[in-house]
Amino acid sequence: MNQKHRVLVVDDDKEIAGVIEIYLKQAGLAVTVAYNGMEAL
């Protein structure tokens, strides 16, 4: 089984969330981004 680790990034600043998402994806992680707490739930 070859599963990627999943990461949830939550930040209300879309630019910061986007940069974090890029770095995590480059590290081989599966990334989901939410821009507020309710969206993250």
N, C-alpha and C. Protein backbone atom coordinates (compact mmCIF):
# COMPACT_ATOMS: atom_id res chain seq x y z
N MET A 1 0.84 -1.17 0.00
CA MET A 1 0.00 0.00 0.00
C MET A 1 0.89 1.25 0.00
N ASN A 2 0.65 2.15 -0.95
CA ASN A 2 1.47 3.35 -1.07
C ASN A 2 0.61 4.59 -0.90
N GLN A 3 0.27 4.93 0.35
CA GLN A 3 -0.60 6.06 0.63
C GLN A 3 0.22 7.29 0.98
N LYS A 4 -0.26 8.46 0.54
CA LYS A 4 0.35 9.72 0.94
C LYS A 4 -0.21 10.12 2.31
N HIS A 5 0.59 10.81 3.06
CA HIS A 5 0.09 11.40 4.30
C HIS A 5 -0.74 12.61 3.91
N ARG A 6 -1.82 12.85 4.67
CA ARG A 6 -2.71 13.97 4.37
C ARG A 6 -2.52 15.07 5.41
N VAL A 7 -2.55 16.32 4.93
CA VAL A 7 -2.39 17.48 5.80
C VAL A 7 -3.52 18.46 5.51
N LEU A 8 -4.10 19.02 6.57
CA LEU A 8 -5.10 20.07 6.44
C LEU A 8 -4.46 21.40 6.83
N VAL A 9 -4.44 22.34 5.91
CA VAL A 9 -3.91 23.68 6.16
C VAL A 9 -5.09 24.60 6.37
N VAL A 10 -5.12 25.31 7.50
CA VAL A 10 -6.20 26.25 7.79
C VAL A 10 -5.58 27.62 8.06
N ASP A 11 -5.91 28.59 7.19
CA ASP A 11 -5.41 29.96 7.37
C ASP A 11 -6.34 30.89 6.62
N ASP A 12 -6.68 32.02 7.23
CA ASP A 12 -7.58 32.95 6.57
C ASP A 12 -6.88 33.81 5.53
N ASP A 13 -5.56 33.76 5.48
CA ASP A 13 -4.79 34.48 4.47
C ASP A 13 -4.52 33.52 3.31
N LYS A 14 -5.18 33.75 2.18
CA LYS A 14 -5.10 32.82 1.06
C LYS A 14 -3.69 32.73 0.48
N GLU A 15 -2.93 33.81 0.51
CA GLU A 15 -1.56 33.78 -0.01
C GLU A 15 -0.68 32.87 0.85
N ILE A 16 -0.78 33.01 2.15
CA ILE A 16 0.02 32.18 3.05
C ILE A 16 -0.38 30.72 2.92
N ALA A 17 -1.68 30.46 2.89
CA ALA A 17 -2.16 29.09 2.74
C ALA A 17 -1.66 28.48 1.43
N GLY A 18 -1.64 29.28 0.38
CA GLY A 18 -1.17 28.80 -0.92
C GLY A 18 0.30 28.44 -0.92
N VAL A 19 1.11 29.27 -0.27
CA VAL A 19 2.55 28.99 -0.18
C VAL A 19 2.80 27.72 0.62
N ILE A 20 2.11 27.59 1.73
CA ILE A 20 2.26 26.39 2.56
C ILE A 20 1.83 25.16 1.77
N GLU A 21 0.72 25.28 1.03
CA GLU A 21 0.23 24.17 0.22
C GLU A 21 1.29 23.73 -0.80
N ILE A 22 1.90 24.68 -1.47
CA ILE A 22 2.94 24.36 -2.48
C ILE A 22 4.09 23.59 -1.85
N TYR A 23 4.60 24.08 -0.73
CA TYR A 23 5.74 23.41 -0.07
C TYR A 23 5.38 22.00 0.40
N LEU A 24 4.19 21.84 0.95
CA LEU A 24 3.79 20.52 1.43
C LEU A 24 3.59 19.54 0.28
N LYS A 25 3.01 20.01 -0.82
CA LYS A 25 2.84 19.14 -1.98
C LYS A 25 4.19 18.73 -2.56
N GLN A 26 5.14 19.67 -2.59
CA GLN A 26 6.48 19.36 -3.08
C GLN A 26 7.16 18.32 -2.19
N ALA A 27 6.77 18.28 -0.92
CA ALA A 27 7.31 17.29 0.01
C ALA A 27 6.61 15.94 -0.11
N GLY A 28 5.63 15.84 -1.03
CA GLY A 28 4.97 14.57 -1.27
C GLY A 28 3.72 14.32 -0.45
N LEU A 29 3.19 15.36 0.17
CA LEU A 29 2.00 15.20 1.00
C LEU A 29 0.74 15.54 0.22
N ALA A 30 -0.37 14.93 0.58
CA ALA A 30 -1.68 15.29 0.03
C ALA A 30 -2.22 16.43 0.88
N VAL A 31 -2.58 17.54 0.26
CA VAL A 31 -2.94 18.75 1.01
C VAL A 31 -4.36 19.18 0.70
N THR A 32 -5.09 19.50 1.76
CA THR A 32 -6.41 20.13 1.67
C THR A 32 -6.29 21.48 2.35
N VAL A 33 -6.87 22.51 1.74
CA VAL A 33 -6.77 23.86 2.29
C VAL A 33 -8.16 24.36 2.67
N ALA A 34 -8.26 24.96 3.85
CA ALA A 34 -9.49 25.62 4.31
C ALA A 34 -9.12 27.03 4.74
N TYR A 35 -10.02 27.97 4.54
CA TYR A 35 -9.71 29.36 4.83
C TYR A 35 -10.37 29.90 6.09
N ASN A 36 -11.07 29.03 6.82
CA ASN A 36 -11.61 29.43 8.13
C ASN A 36 -11.95 28.14 8.90
N GLY A 37 -12.24 28.31 10.16
CA GLY A 37 -12.50 27.16 11.02
C GLY A 37 -13.70 26.34 10.60
N MET A 38 -14.77 27.01 10.21
CA MET A 38 -15.98 26.28 9.79
C MET A 38 -15.72 25.46 8.53
N GLU A 39 -15.00 26.03 7.60
CA GLU A 39 -14.67 25.31 6.37
C GLU A 39 -13.79 24.10 6.68
N ALA A 40 -12.94 24.23 7.68
CA ALA A 40 -12.04 23.14 8.05
C ALA A 40 -12.79 21.95 8.64
N LEU A 41 -13.91 22.25 9.28
CA LEU A 41 -14.70 21.17 9.89
C LEU A 41 -15.42 20.40 8.83
